[in-house]
Amino acid sequence: MGSEVIIIPIIFGVIFAIAYLYFSTRNKERLALIEKGADASIFVKGRREGAAPFWKIIILNISLLLIGIGLAIFVASILVYNLGMDDEVAYPGTIFTLAGVGLLVGFTMTRRLEKQ
């Protein structure tokens, strides 16, 4: 009974520790570069001319992933009811396969979008 109470603080502690280490080391690296005389403009991520906005890429990939999952459930139901395939194999197999295909299509579309 007590182990459930301990797991939640441990998870939050790990997340906090990772965030703390990330930001503290980034700050130390930046201070070291400034002490050596580096220009402060290297810390600002520059926008490339003509690059697609980040939110468009995220929406494109999430939408293609969800389309792939929906199509996979449809194909799996066809496999189960028409071809008699075992549903414990058909659903996970088609969901993972078509979700991967959706992400691959999203990757290629994102690469093409960034080239424009």
N, C-alpha and C. Protein backbone atom coordinates (compact mmCIF):
# COMPACT_ATOMS: atom_id res chain seq x y z
N MET A 1 0.82 -1.19 0.00
CA MET A 1 0.00 0.00 0.00
C MET A 1 0.86 1.26 0.00
N GLY A 2 1.97 1.24 0.69
CA GLY A 2 2.81 2.41 0.78
C GLY A 2 3.64 2.68 -0.46
N SER A 3 3.82 1.66 -1.31
CA SER A 3 4.66 1.86 -2.48
C SER A 3 4.01 2.79 -3.50
N GLU A 4 2.67 2.83 -3.55
CA GLU A 4 2.01 3.73 -4.49
C GLU A 4 2.23 5.19 -4.10
N VAL A 5 2.32 5.43 -2.81
CA VAL A 5 2.51 6.79 -2.33
C VAL A 5 3.93 7.26 -2.60
N ILE A 6 4.87 6.37 -2.64
CA ILE A 6 6.27 6.74 -2.84
C ILE A 6 6.59 6.96 -4.31
N ILE A 7 5.91 6.27 -5.21
CA ILE A 7 6.25 6.33 -6.64
C ILE A 7 6.01 7.72 -7.23
N ILE A 8 4.90 8.36 -6.89
CA ILE A 8 4.57 9.68 -7.45
C ILE A 8 5.64 10.73 -7.11
N PRO A 9 6.05 10.88 -5.85
CA PRO A 9 7.12 11.86 -5.57
C PRO A 9 8.44 11.51 -6.26
N ILE A 10 8.72 10.23 -6.41
CA ILE A 10 9.96 9.84 -7.10
C ILE A 10 9.90 10.27 -8.56
N ILE A 11 8.77 10.08 -9.21
CA ILE A 11 8.63 10.50 -10.61
C ILE A 11 8.81 12.01 -10.75
N PHE A 12 8.13 12.77 -9.88
CA PHE A 12 8.28 14.22 -9.94
C PHE A 12 9.70 14.66 -9.59
N GLY A 13 10.33 13.96 -8.66
CA GLY A 13 11.71 14.28 -8.31
C GLY A 13 12.67 14.05 -9.47
N VAL A 14 12.47 12.97 -10.20
CA VAL A 14 13.32 12.68 -11.36
C VAL A 14 13.13 13.74 -12.44
N ILE A 15 11.88 14.11 -12.70
CA ILE A 15 11.61 15.15 -13.70
C ILE A 15 12.24 16.48 -13.28
N PHE A 16 12.12 16.84 -11.99
CA PHE A 16 12.74 18.07 -11.49
C PHE A 16 14.25 18.01 -11.61
N ALA A 17 14.84 16.87 -11.27
CA ALA A 17 16.30 16.74 -11.34
C ALA A 17 16.81 16.87 -12.77
N ILE A 18 16.10 16.27 -13.71
CA ILE A 18 16.52 16.39 -15.12
C ILE A 18 16.43 17.83 -15.58
N ALA A 19 15.32 18.51 -15.26
CA ALA A 19 15.17 19.91 -15.66
C ALA A 19 16.24 20.78 -14.99
N TYR A 20 16.50 20.55 -13.70
CA TYR A 20 17.51 21.33 -12.99
C TYR A 20 18.89 21.14 -13.60
N LEU A 21 19.26 19.90 -13.88
CA LEU A 21 20.57 19.65 -14.48
C LEU A 21 20.67 20.28 -15.87
N TYR A 22 19.61 20.21 -16.64
CA TYR A 22 19.64 20.78 -17.99
C TYR A 22 19.86 22.29 -17.92
N PHE A 23 19.07 22.98 -17.10
CA PHE A 23 19.17 24.43 -17.07
C PHE A 23 20.43 24.91 -16.36
N SER A 24 20.89 24.20 -15.35
CA SER A 24 22.10 24.65 -14.66
C SER A 24 23.34 24.44 -15.54
N THR A 25 23.42 23.32 -16.25
CA THR A 25 24.58 23.12 -17.13
C THR A 25 24.54 24.07 -18.32
N ARG A 26 23.35 24.37 -18.82
CA ARG A 26 23.26 25.33 -19.92
C ARG A 26 23.72 26.71 -19.46
N ASN A 27 23.35 27.07 -18.24
CA ASN A 27 23.77 28.37 -17.72
C ASN A 27 25.28 28.40 -17.53
N LYS A 28 25.87 27.33 -17.00
CA LYS A 28 27.31 27.30 -16.80
C LYS A 28 28.07 27.36 -18.13
N GLU A 29 27.56 26.66 -19.14
CA GLU A 29 28.20 26.70 -20.45
C GLU A 29 28.15 28.10 -21.04
N ARG A 30 27.01 28.76 -20.89
CA ARG A 30 26.90 30.12 -21.43
C ARG A 30 27.80 31.09 -20.69
N LEU A 31 27.89 30.95 -19.38
CA LEU A 31 28.78 31.84 -18.62
C LEU A 31 30.23 31.61 -19.02
N ALA A 32 30.62 30.36 -19.23
CA ALA A 32 31.99 30.07 -19.65
C ALA A 32 32.28 30.66 -21.03
N LEU A 33 31.32 30.59 -21.95
CA LEU A 33 31.54 31.18 -23.27
C LEU A 33 31.63 32.69 -23.21
N ILE A 34 30.82 33.31 -22.35
CA ILE A 34 30.87 34.76 -22.22
C ILE A 34 32.19 35.19 -21.61
N GLU A 35 32.70 34.44 -20.63
CA GLU A 35 34.00 34.76 -20.03
C GLU A 35 35.14 34.67 -21.04
N LYS A 36 35.00 33.76 -22.00
CA LYS A 36 36.05 33.62 -23.01
C LYS A 36 35.90 34.63 -24.13
N GLY A 37 34.84 35.44 -24.09
CA GLY A 37 34.69 36.51 -25.06
C GLY A 37 33.81 36.16 -26.26
N ALA A 38 33.01 35.15 -26.15
CA ALA A 38 32.12 34.79 -27.26
C ALA A 38 30.98 35.80 -27.36
N ASP A 39 30.48 35.97 -28.55
CA ASP A 39 29.38 36.91 -28.78
C ASP A 39 28.09 36.33 -28.21
N ALA A 40 27.28 37.14 -27.60
CA ALA A 40 26.04 36.68 -26.96
C ALA A 40 24.97 36.30 -27.98
N SER A 41 25.16 36.66 -29.23
CA SER A 41 24.14 36.35 -30.24
C SER A 41 24.09 34.87 -30.58
N ILE A 42 25.09 34.10 -30.16
CA ILE A 42 25.05 32.66 -30.46
C ILE A 42 24.03 31.93 -29.59
N PHE A 43 23.55 32.57 -28.53
CA PHE A 43 22.57 31.93 -27.67
C PHE A 43 21.15 32.05 -28.20
N VAL A 44 20.93 32.96 -29.10
CA VAL A 44 19.60 33.15 -29.67
C VAL A 44 19.49 32.26 -30.90
N LYS A 45 18.51 31.39 -30.89
CA LYS A 45 18.32 30.51 -32.04
C LYS A 45 17.73 31.36 -33.17
N GLY A 46 18.49 31.45 -34.23
CA GLY A 46 18.05 32.24 -35.36
C GLY A 46 17.04 31.51 -36.22
N ARG A 47 16.09 32.27 -36.74
CA ARG A 47 15.12 31.69 -37.66
C ARG A 47 15.71 31.71 -39.05
N ARG A 48 15.60 30.58 -39.69
CA ARG A 48 16.06 30.52 -41.07
C ARG A 48 15.01 31.16 -41.96
N GLU A 49 15.46 31.76 -43.01
CA GLU A 49 14.54 32.36 -43.97
C GLU A 49 13.74 31.28 -44.66
N GLY A 50 12.45 31.40 -44.66
CA GLY A 50 11.60 30.47 -45.38
C GLY A 50 11.34 29.16 -44.68
N ALA A 51 11.79 29.02 -43.43
CA ALA A 51 11.56 27.76 -42.70
C ALA A 51 10.11 27.71 -42.22
N ALA A 52 9.56 26.53 -42.20
CA ALA A 52 8.18 26.35 -41.74
C ALA A 52 8.12 26.56 -40.23
N PRO A 53 7.03 27.16 -39.75
CA PRO A 53 6.89 27.33 -38.31
C PRO A 53 6.81 25.99 -37.59
N PHE A 54 7.26 25.98 -36.36
CA PHE A 54 7.32 24.75 -35.57
C PHE A 54 5.94 24.15 -35.35
N TRP A 55 4.94 25.00 -35.12
CA TRP A 55 3.60 24.49 -34.83
C TRP A 55 2.99 23.80 -36.04
N LYS A 56 3.34 24.23 -37.24
CA LYS A 56 2.82 23.56 -38.44
C LYS A 56 3.39 22.15 -38.56
N ILE A 57 4.64 21.99 -38.23
CA ILE A 57 5.28 20.69 -38.31
C ILE A 57 4.68 19.74 -37.27
N ILE A 58 4.46 20.24 -36.06
CA ILE A 58 3.87 19.41 -35.00
C ILE A 58 2.45 18.98 -35.38
N ILE A 59 1.65 19.92 -35.86
CA ILE A 59 0.27 19.60 -36.24
C ILE A 59 0.25 18.61 -37.39
N LEU A 60 1.13 18.77 -38.35
CA LEU A 60 1.19 17.85 -39.49
C LEU A 60 1.53 16.44 -39.02
N ASN A 61 2.54 16.30 -38.17
CA ASN A 61 2.95 14.97 -37.71
C ASN A 61 1.89 14.32 -36.81
N ILE A 62 1.28 15.09 -35.92
CA ILE A 62 0.25 14.52 -35.05
C ILE A 62 -0.97 14.10 -35.86
N SER A 63 -1.35 14.92 -36.84
CA SER A 63 -2.53 14.57 -37.65
C SER A 63 -2.27 13.32 -38.48
N LEU A 64 -1.10 13.19 -39.05
CA LEU A 64 -0.80 11.98 -39.82
C LEU A 64 -0.68 10.75 -38.92
N LEU A 65 -0.18 10.93 -37.71
CA LEU A 65 -0.14 9.81 -36.77
C LEU A 65 -1.55 9.35 -36.41
N LEU A 66 -2.44 10.28 -36.13
CA LEU A 66 -3.81 9.92 -35.77
C LEU A 66 -4.56 9.32 -36.95
N ILE A 67 -4.30 9.82 -38.16
CA ILE A 67 -4.91 9.22 -39.35
C ILE A 67 -4.43 7.79 -39.51
N GLY A 68 -3.14 7.56 -39.29
CA GLY A 68 -2.59 6.21 -39.38
C GLY A 68 -3.20 5.27 -38.35
N ILE A 69 -3.41 5.75 -37.13
CA ILE A 69 -4.01 4.91 -36.08
C ILE A 69 -5.46 4.61 -36.42
N GLY A 70 -6.21 5.60 -36.88
CA GLY A 70 -7.60 5.37 -37.25
C GLY A 70 -7.73 4.40 -38.41
N LEU A 71 -6.89 4.56 -39.41
CA LEU A 71 -6.90 3.64 -40.54
C LEU A 71 -6.50 2.23 -40.11
N ALA A 72 -5.58 2.15 -39.15
CA ALA A 72 -5.14 0.84 -38.66
C ALA A 72 -6.26 0.11 -37.94
N ILE A 73 -7.05 0.82 -37.15
CA ILE A 73 -8.17 0.18 -36.46
C ILE A 73 -9.19 -0.32 -37.48
N PHE A 74 -9.43 0.47 -38.51
CA PHE A 74 -10.36 0.06 -39.57
C PHE A 74 -9.85 -1.19 -40.29
N VAL A 75 -8.58 -1.20 -40.67
CA VAL A 75 -7.99 -2.35 -41.37
C VAL A 75 -7.97 -3.58 -40.47
N ALA A 76 -7.67 -3.38 -39.19
CA ALA A 76 -7.64 -4.51 -38.27
C ALA A 76 -9.03 -5.11 -38.09
N SER A 77 -10.06 -4.28 -38.06
CA SER A 77 -11.41 -4.83 -37.93
C SER A 77 -11.79 -5.61 -39.18
N ILE A 78 -11.34 -5.17 -40.34
CA ILE A 78 -11.59 -5.94 -41.56
C ILE A 78 -10.85 -7.28 -41.49
N LEU A 79 -9.61 -7.25 -41.01
CA LEU A 79 -8.85 -8.50 -40.88
C LEU A 79 -9.50 -9.48 -39.91
N VAL A 80 -10.05 -8.96 -38.82
CA VAL A 80 -10.63 -9.82 -37.80
C VAL A 80 -11.96 -10.40 -38.26
N TYR A 81 -12.85 -9.56 -38.77
CA TYR A 81 -14.20 -10.03 -39.06
C TYR A 81 -14.34 -10.71 -40.42
N ASN A 82 -13.57 -10.31 -41.40
CA ASN A 82 -13.70 -10.92 -42.72
C ASN A 82 -12.73 -12.07 -42.96
N LEU A 83 -11.52 -11.94 -42.45
CA LEU A 83 -10.52 -12.98 -42.70
C LEU A 83 -10.32 -13.91 -41.53
N GLY A 84 -10.95 -13.63 -40.39
CA GLY A 84 -10.87 -14.52 -39.25
C GLY A 84 -9.54 -14.48 -38.52
N MET A 85 -8.79 -13.41 -38.65
CA MET A 85 -7.50 -13.30 -37.97
C MET A 85 -7.73 -13.07 -36.48
N ASP A 86 -6.81 -13.52 -35.66
CA ASP A 86 -6.92 -13.34 -34.22
C ASP A 86 -6.82 -11.85 -33.88
N ASP A 87 -7.78 -11.35 -33.09
CA ASP A 87 -7.80 -9.91 -32.81
C ASP A 87 -6.65 -9.47 -31.92
N GLU A 88 -6.06 -10.37 -31.14
CA GLU A 88 -4.92 -10.01 -30.30
C GLU A 88 -3.67 -9.76 -31.12
N VAL A 89 -3.66 -10.21 -32.35
CA VAL A 89 -2.53 -10.00 -33.25
C VAL A 89 -2.84 -8.89 -34.24
N ALA A 90 -4.05 -8.86 -34.73
CA ALA A 90 -4.41 -7.93 -35.80
C ALA A 90 -4.38 -6.47 -35.35
N TYR A 91 -4.99 -6.17 -34.21
CA TYR A 91 -5.07 -4.77 -33.78
C TYR A 91 -3.71 -4.16 -33.45
N PRO A 92 -2.91 -4.76 -32.56
CA PRO A 92 -1.61 -4.12 -32.29
C PRO A 92 -0.69 -4.09 -33.51
N GLY A 93 -0.72 -5.15 -34.30
CA GLY A 93 0.16 -5.19 -35.48
C GLY A 93 -0.15 -4.10 -36.48
N THR A 94 -1.42 -3.95 -36.81
CA THR A 94 -1.77 -2.92 -37.80
C THR A 94 -1.65 -1.52 -37.22
N ILE A 95 -1.95 -1.35 -35.93
CA ILE A 95 -1.83 -0.01 -35.34
C ILE A 95 -0.37 0.44 -35.36
N PHE A 96 0.54 -0.42 -34.91
CA PHE A 96 1.95 -0.02 -34.91
C PHE A 96 2.49 0.18 -36.33
N THR A 97 2.08 -0.68 -37.25
CA THR A 97 2.57 -0.56 -38.62
C THR A 97 2.09 0.71 -39.29
N LEU A 98 0.79 0.96 -39.24
CA LEU A 98 0.26 2.14 -39.93
C LEU A 98 0.57 3.44 -39.19
N ALA A 99 0.76 3.39 -37.87
CA ALA A 99 1.21 4.59 -37.17
C ALA A 99 2.65 4.93 -37.60
N GLY A 100 3.48 3.91 -37.76
CA GLY A 100 4.84 4.15 -38.26
C GLY A 100 4.84 4.68 -39.68
N VAL A 101 3.94 4.17 -40.51
CA VAL A 101 3.83 4.68 -41.88
C VAL A 101 3.38 6.14 -41.86
N GLY A 102 2.44 6.47 -40.97
CA GLY A 102 1.99 7.86 -40.85
C GLY A 102 3.11 8.78 -40.43
N LEU A 103 3.94 8.34 -39.48
CA LEU A 103 5.07 9.16 -39.05
C LEU A 103 6.12 9.29 -40.14
N LEU A 104 6.32 8.24 -40.91
CA LEU A 104 7.27 8.31 -42.03
C LEU A 104 6.79 9.28 -43.09
N VAL A 105 5.50 9.24 -43.40
CA VAL A 105 4.93 10.19 -44.36
C VAL A 105 5.05 11.61 -43.81
N GLY A 106 4.80 11.78 -42.51
CA GLY A 106 4.95 13.10 -41.89
C GLY A 106 6.38 13.61 -41.96
N PHE A 107 7.33 12.71 -41.79
CA PHE A 107 8.74 13.10 -41.88
C PHE A 107 9.09 13.57 -43.28
N THR A 108 8.65 12.82 -44.29
CA THR A 108 8.96 13.22 -45.66
C THR A 108 8.24 14.51 -46.04
N MET A 109 7.01 14.69 -45.57
CA MET A 109 6.29 15.93 -45.86
C MET A 109 6.94 17.12 -45.15
N THR A 110 7.43 16.91 -43.94
CA THR A 110 8.11 17.97 -43.21
C THR A 110 9.41 18.36 -43.90
N ARG A 111 10.15 17.37 -44.38
CA ARG A 111 11.40 17.66 -45.08
C ARG A 111 11.13 18.44 -46.36
N ARG A 112 10.08 18.06 -47.07
CA ARG A 112 9.71 18.76 -48.30
C ARG A 112 9.22 20.18 -47.99
N LEU A 113 8.50 20.34 -46.85
CA LEU A 113 8.00 21.65 -46.45
C LEU A 113 9.14 22.58 -46.09
N GLU A 114 10.19 22.05 -45.46
CA GLU A 114 11.32 22.89 -45.07
C GLU A 114 12.21 23.25 -46.25
N LYS A 115 12.19 22.45 -47.32
CA LYS A 115 13.00 22.78 -48.49
C LYS A 115 12.40 23.94 -49.27
N GLN A 116 11.10 24.11 -49.17
CA GLN A 116 10.43 25.18 -49.94
C GLN A 116 10.77 26.54 -49.42
